[in-house]
Amino acid sequence: MFLDQDDKIVPEYFKSQMEALGEKDAVVCKALNGGKEEYADNTYFLNMPYKRFTFKEWNLILSPGQVLIKRKYIPDIWMKNILKNNGADDWFLWICMLAGGCQISLNDNFLYEHVIHDNNVSKDTMSMLCSEQEMLELIHVKKIVSDDDFGLLLKGFNKKNRWVMQKLNNAGKKLDYIEKWLKWKLNNEKFRAYLSQLDFQKIAIYGCGVLGEYIYEELKSYVDKIYFIDRNAAHIQKNVPVYTLTKHLPEVDCVILTLIEETEDVEVELKKNGFKNIILLKDWKLM
């Protein structure tokens, strides 16, 4: 087992993993990433043992701490080829294992949590990119996978980088909204006047991320009722209620949707569950 010093496992980790391992070579459990479920789409978790799916989707395993591996199945080629650039070492290990026919079992229990902090290599986009490029060059030179499988890895690499660019773009938009929010907050008269124009006293905030937290802190003193809606509600601990989206939530005057991208599907779901007044943060005229 490989575990970063800041990450967490539950007390029953080894017992549960050993039971799920059975006769297979390795076992992967479900994980939390910064307190949120890593596999919102269970398809990715269920297909993790399959080489072609994993290669074309890039690295589906969040961190080595999710995995318990029988020592004899750790490939020699991985141990003898240490990457100079830190970051993709674990992904290189999974590729070597799958290429060698490793049989992976799945454990549906949440046993591991990846703790997010500023020093995570996975958050350093350029360092990770250099490490992944080094890994791909090594795989190609050493002929670790077939030409067909290498083509899948390249597709997965390109897909992953498009996703990273989208996340960076979304992060830039969030920073713009936070800057506007902070400027707006400095003008108390304008802020309170805008709140009174909204004419609500019961609100729900969709999304427990950074923007949701900002809105909660600013509005909690002005409303009679406030709660969060988040798909990861089961793993979020707050002093205010946090619910998953259902038809039986407490009645509110409006829902503030804090997502910046892909809001249309969530809007549809909110309306299906009886919420009529939905305010999109990205359309909210903060200035």
Protein backbone atom coordinates (compact mmCIF):
# COMPACT_ATOMS: atom_id res chain seq x y z
CA MET A 1 0.00 0.00 0.00
CA PHE A 2 1.19 3.53 -0.87
CA LEU A 3 -0.24 6.39 1.24
CA ASP A 4 0.54 10.11 1.25
CA GLN A 5 1.20 11.40 4.77
CA ASP A 6 -1.79 13.77 4.81
CA ASP A 7 -4.33 11.32 3.41
CA LYS A 8 -6.79 9.33 5.51
CA ILE A 9 -8.07 5.77 5.68
CA VAL A 10 -10.90 4.49 7.85
CA PRO A 11 -10.16 2.01 10.68
CA GLU A 12 -11.71 -0.90 8.78
CA TYR A 13 -9.67 -0.18 5.62
CA PHE A 14 -7.44 -3.28 5.62
CA LYS A 15 -10.16 -5.71 6.73
CA SER A 16 -12.55 -4.48 4.05
CA GLN A 17 -9.90 -4.38 1.33
CA MET A 18 -8.63 -7.88 2.12
CA GLU A 19 -12.17 -9.26 1.98
CA ALA A 20 -12.81 -7.59 -1.39
CA LEU A 21 -9.41 -8.60 -2.79
CA GLY A 22 -10.17 -12.32 -2.88
CA GLU A 23 -8.07 -14.12 -5.48
CA LYS A 24 -7.39 -10.99 -7.53
CA ASP A 25 -4.02 -9.19 -7.72
CA ALA A 26 -5.16 -5.79 -6.42
CA VAL A 27 -8.26 -4.09 -5.04
CA VAL A 28 -9.51 -0.50 -5.44
CA CYS A 29 -11.98 1.12 -3.03
CA LYS A 30 -14.16 4.19 -3.53
CA ALA A 31 -12.69 7.48 -2.37
CA LEU A 32 -13.41 11.00 -1.21
CA ASN A 33 -11.52 13.85 -2.80
CA GLY A 34 -11.43 16.85 -0.49
CA GLY A 35 -14.60 15.61 1.22
CA LYS A 36 -16.49 14.94 -2.04
CA GLU A 37 -17.22 11.67 -3.82
CA GLU A 38 -14.64 11.06 -6.53
CA TYR A 39 -16.91 8.94 -8.74
CA ALA A 40 -20.15 10.86 -9.27
CA ASP A 41 -20.59 8.76 -12.39
CA ASN A 42 -20.31 5.15 -11.21
CA THR A 43 -19.46 4.07 -14.78
CA TYR A 44 -15.85 5.13 -14.28
CA PHE A 45 -15.47 3.15 -11.07
CA LEU A 46 -17.10 0.01 -12.46
CA ASN A 47 -14.89 0.02 -15.58
CA MET A 48 -11.64 0.69 -13.72
CA PRO A 49 -10.38 -2.93 -13.98
CA TYR A 50 -10.62 -2.90 -17.78
CA LYS A 51 -7.47 -1.85 -19.62
CA ARG A 52 -8.92 -0.31 -22.78
CA PHE A 53 -11.54 1.76 -20.92
CA THR A 54 -8.99 3.00 -18.39
CA PHE A 55 -6.39 3.88 -21.02
CA LYS A 56 -8.76 5.95 -23.15
CA GLU A 57 -10.26 7.73 -20.12
CA TRP A 58 -6.80 8.41 -18.60
CA ASN A 59 -6.10 7.85 -14.90
CA LEU A 60 -9.30 6.82 -13.09
CA ILE A 61 -7.60 6.09 -9.76
CA LEU A 62 -7.48 9.16 -7.56
CA SER A 63 -4.47 8.15 -5.46
CA PRO A 64 -2.38 5.09 -4.52
CA GLY A 65 -4.08 5.04 -1.12
CA GLN A 66 -7.21 3.62 -2.77
CA VAL A 67 -5.35 0.51 -3.82
CA LEU A 68 -4.09 -2.55 -1.98
CA ILE A 69 -1.69 -4.57 -4.15
CA LYS A 70 -0.19 -7.98 -3.60
CA ARG A 71 3.56 -7.35 -3.49
CA LYS A 72 4.46 -9.95 -6.10
CA TYR A 73 2.28 -8.18 -8.67
CA ILE A 74 4.14 -4.86 -8.52
CA PRO A 75 5.87 -4.88 -11.95
CA ASP A 76 9.69 -4.89 -12.11
CA ILE A 77 9.61 -2.50 -15.06
CA TRP A 78 7.92 0.10 -12.86
CA MET A 79 10.41 -0.32 -10.01
CA LYS A 80 13.41 -0.10 -12.39
CA ASN A 81 12.21 3.04 -14.23
CA ILE A 82 11.78 5.87 -11.73
CA LEU A 83 10.34 9.04 -13.27
CA LYS A 84 12.56 12.11 -12.92
CA ASN A 85 9.48 14.38 -12.82
CA ASN A 86 7.25 13.67 -9.85
CA GLY A 87 3.48 13.33 -10.39
CA ALA A 88 2.53 10.50 -12.74
CA ASP A 89 4.30 7.70 -10.83
CA ASP A 90 1.07 6.10 -9.66
CA TRP A 91 -0.51 6.27 -13.13
CA PHE A 92 2.63 4.66 -14.57
CA LEU A 93 2.22 1.84 -12.03
CA TRP A 94 -1.43 1.21 -13.01
CA ILE A 95 -0.52 1.18 -16.70
CA CYS A 96 2.28 -1.35 -16.11
CA MET A 97 -0.04 -3.52 -14.02
CA LEU A 98 -2.88 -3.49 -16.55
CA ALA A 99 -0.50 -4.05 -19.45
CA GLY A 100 0.82 -7.11 -17.60
CA GLY A 101 -2.67 -8.57 -17.20
CA CYS A 102 -3.21 -7.63 -13.55
CA GLN A 103 -6.64 -8.62 -12.25
CA ILE A 104 -8.30 -5.85 -10.21
CA SER A 105 -11.17 -6.23 -7.76
CA LEU A 106 -13.50 -3.39 -6.74
CA ASN A 107 -14.57 -2.42 -3.23
CA ASP A 108 -17.74 -0.30 -3.17
CA ASN A 109 -16.99 1.13 0.30
CA PHE A 110 -15.59 4.62 0.92
CA LEU A 111 -12.39 3.77 2.81
CA TYR A 112 -9.95 6.46 1.68
CA GLU A 113 -9.89 10.27 1.56
CA HIS A 114 -7.46 12.37 -0.44
CA VAL A 115 -6.72 15.53 1.54
CA ILE A 116 -6.35 18.60 -0.67
CA HIS A 117 -3.77 21.24 0.21
CA ASP A 118 -1.55 23.73 -1.62
CA ASN A 119 1.40 21.32 -1.82
CA ASN A 120 -0.42 18.56 -3.75
CA VAL A 121 1.62 17.76 -6.87
CA SER A 122 -1.63 16.87 -8.62
CA LYS A 123 -2.67 20.54 -8.34
CA ASP A 124 0.54 21.72 -10.05
CA THR A 125 -0.62 21.59 -13.66
CA MET A 126 2.78 22.14 -15.32
CA SER A 127 4.64 19.66 -13.08
CA MET A 128 2.02 16.99 -13.72
CA LEU A 129 2.10 17.65 -17.47
CA CYS A 130 5.91 17.23 -17.55
CA SER A 131 5.65 14.01 -15.54
CA GLU A 132 2.94 12.58 -17.81
CA GLN A 133 4.92 13.44 -20.94
CA GLU A 134 8.01 11.76 -19.50
CA MET A 135 5.91 8.70 -18.66
CA LEU A 136 4.46 8.45 -22.18
CA GLU A 137 7.93 8.72 -23.74
CA LEU A 138 9.19 5.96 -21.46
CA ILE A 139 6.22 3.71 -22.24
CA HIS A 140 6.79 4.24 -25.96
CA VAL A 141 10.57 3.62 -25.84
CA LYS A 142 10.29 0.56 -23.58
CA LYS A 143 7.37 -0.88 -25.58
CA ILE A 144 5.43 -1.44 -22.35
CA VAL A 145 2.10 -1.49 -24.20
CA SER A 146 1.07 -2.39 -27.75
CA ASP A 147 0.85 0.27 -30.46
CA ASP A 148 -2.94 0.07 -30.27
CA ASP A 149 -2.96 0.59 -26.50
CA PHE A 150 -0.46 3.44 -26.81
CA GLY A 151 -2.87 5.13 -29.21
CA LEU A 152 -5.57 4.84 -26.53
CA LEU A 153 -3.21 6.39 -23.96
CA LEU A 154 -2.56 9.34 -26.27
CA LYS A 155 -6.32 9.85 -26.71
CA GLY A 156 -6.75 9.71 -22.95
CA PHE A 157 -3.89 12.17 -22.46
CA ASN A 158 -5.49 14.65 -24.87
CA LYS A 159 -8.91 14.21 -23.25
CA LYS A 160 -7.47 14.81 -19.80
CA ASN A 161 -5.70 17.99 -20.92
CA ARG A 162 -8.90 19.36 -22.47
CA TRP A 163 -10.57 18.75 -19.10
CA VAL A 164 -7.73 20.55 -17.30
CA MET A 165 -8.06 23.54 -19.62
CA GLN A 166 -11.80 23.66 -18.95
CA LYS A 167 -11.17 23.58 -15.18
CA LEU A 168 -8.63 26.40 -15.46
CA ASN A 169 -11.13 28.41 -17.49
CA ASN A 170 -13.85 27.82 -14.89
CA ALA A 171 -11.43 28.78 -12.10
CA GLY A 172 -10.75 32.07 -13.86
CA LYS A 173 -14.48 32.77 -14.07
CA LYS A 174 -14.93 31.96 -10.40
CA LEU A 175 -12.16 34.38 -9.48
CA ASP A 176 -13.89 37.08 -11.53
CA TYR A 177 -17.14 36.50 -9.62
CA ILE A 178 -15.36 36.47 -6.26
CA GLU A 179 -13.66 39.78 -7.11
CA LYS A 180 -17.02 41.29 -8.06
CA TRP A 181 -18.61 39.90 -4.91
CA LEU A 182 -15.92 41.41 -2.68
CA LYS A 183 -16.21 44.82 -4.39
CA TRP A 184 -19.98 44.65 -4.02
CA LYS A 185 -19.67 43.77 -0.33
CA LEU A 186 -17.68 46.96 0.34
CA ASN A 187 -20.69 49.02 -0.71
CA ASN A 188 -23.10 48.08 2.10
CA GLU A 189 -25.92 50.41 1.03
CA LYS A 190 -25.99 49.00 -2.49
CA PHE A 191 -25.70 45.45 -1.16
CA ARG A 192 -28.64 45.76 1.23
CA ALA A 193 -30.76 47.56 -1.34
CA TYR A 194 -30.22 44.72 -3.79
CA LEU A 195 -31.17 42.15 -1.16
CA SER A 196 -34.43 43.95 -0.44
CA GLN A 197 -35.27 44.05 -4.15
CA LEU A 198 -35.00 40.26 -4.30
CA ASP A 199 -37.81 40.06 -1.75
CA PHE A 200 -37.05 36.60 -0.34
CA GLN A 201 -36.52 35.29 3.17
CA LYS A 202 -36.09 31.58 2.48
CA ILE A 203 -33.33 30.48 0.14
CA ALA A 204 -31.41 27.42 -0.92
CA ILE A 205 -27.88 27.56 -2.30
CA TYR A 206 -27.00 24.92 -4.89
CA GLY A 207 -23.32 24.04 -4.52
CA CYS A 208 -21.09 23.95 -1.43
CA GLY A 209 -18.02 25.22 -3.26
CA VAL A 210 -16.16 28.49 -2.80
CA LEU A 211 -18.87 30.62 -4.39
CA GLY A 212 -21.60 28.92 -2.36
CA GLU A 213 -19.68 29.63 0.84
CA TYR A 214 -19.31 33.31 -0.05
CA ILE A 215 -23.03 33.65 -0.71
CA TYR A 216 -23.96 31.84 2.49
CA GLU A 217 -21.74 34.05 4.66
CA GLU A 218 -23.20 37.20 3.12
CA LEU A 219 -26.86 36.19 3.19
CA LYS A 220 -27.26 34.22 6.42
CA SER A 221 -27.88 37.35 8.51
CA TYR A 222 -30.59 38.67 6.19
CA VAL A 223 -32.86 35.65 5.68
CA ASP A 224 -35.16 33.51 7.83
CA LYS A 225 -34.13 30.16 6.34
CA ILE A 226 -31.08 29.04 4.37
CA TYR A 227 -29.64 25.64 3.39
CA PHE A 228 -27.39 24.02 0.81
CA ILE A 229 -28.13 21.52 -1.94
CA ASP A 230 -25.15 19.45 -3.09
CA ARG A 231 -24.76 16.03 -4.69
CA ASN A 232 -22.08 15.21 -2.07
CA ALA A 233 -24.31 16.11 0.87
CA ALA A 234 -23.68 12.77 2.60
CA HIS A 235 -19.99 13.65 2.97
CA ILE A 236 -20.30 17.36 3.85
CA GLN A 237 -20.37 18.54 7.46
CA LYS A 238 -21.61 22.07 8.16
CA ASN A 239 -23.50 24.00 10.80
CA VAL A 240 -26.27 24.55 8.24
CA PRO A 241 -28.34 21.76 6.61
CA VAL A 242 -26.99 20.23 3.40
CA TYR A 243 -29.33 18.10 1.28
CA THR A 244 -29.18 16.13 -1.94
CA LEU A 245 -31.70 17.22 -4.57
CA THR A 246 -35.13 15.61 -4.01
CA LYS A 247 -38.79 16.62 -4.20
CA HIS A 248 -39.19 16.72 -0.43
CA LEU A 249 -36.85 19.52 0.59
CA PRO A 250 -38.00 22.43 2.81
CA GLU A 251 -39.90 25.06 0.84
CA VAL A 252 -37.92 28.16 -0.18
CA ASP A 253 -38.58 31.34 -2.14
CA CYS A 254 -35.67 30.76 -4.51
CA VAL A 255 -32.58 28.69 -5.25
CA ILE A 256 -29.27 30.37 -6.01
CA LEU A 257 -27.35 28.20 -8.48
CA THR A 258 -23.61 28.78 -7.97
CA LEU A 259 -22.31 26.67 -10.87
CA ILE A 260 -20.54 28.62 -13.60
CA GLU A 261 -20.72 25.99 -16.35
CA GLU A 262 -23.22 23.27 -17.29
CA THR A 263 -26.11 24.92 -15.48
CA GLU A 264 -28.90 23.89 -17.86
CA ASP A 265 -29.16 20.28 -16.68
CA VAL A 266 -29.21 21.35 -13.03
CA GLU A 267 -31.90 23.95 -13.78
CA VAL A 268 -34.05 21.22 -15.32
CA GLU A 269 -33.57 18.98 -12.28
CA LEU A 270 -34.41 21.80 -9.87
CA LYS A 271 -37.63 22.55 -11.73
CA LYS A 272 -38.55 18.85 -11.82
CA ASN A 273 -38.20 18.80 -8.05
CA GLY A 274 -40.57 21.73 -7.56
CA PHE A 275 -38.23 24.73 -7.37
CA LYS A 276 -39.69 27.62 -9.38
CA ASN A 277 -37.48 30.66 -8.78
CA ILE A 278 -33.90 29.93 -9.75
CA ILE A 279 -31.19 32.60 -9.72
CA LEU A 280 -28.09 31.78 -11.77
CA LEU A 281 -25.00 33.31 -10.23
CA LYS A 282 -23.41 33.72 -13.65
CA ASP A 283 -26.36 35.93 -14.69
CA TRP A 284 -26.62 37.77 -11.37
CA LYS A 285 -25.69 41.41 -11.95
CA LEU A 286 -23.28 41.86 -9.09
CA MET A 287 -21.96 45.25 -10.25
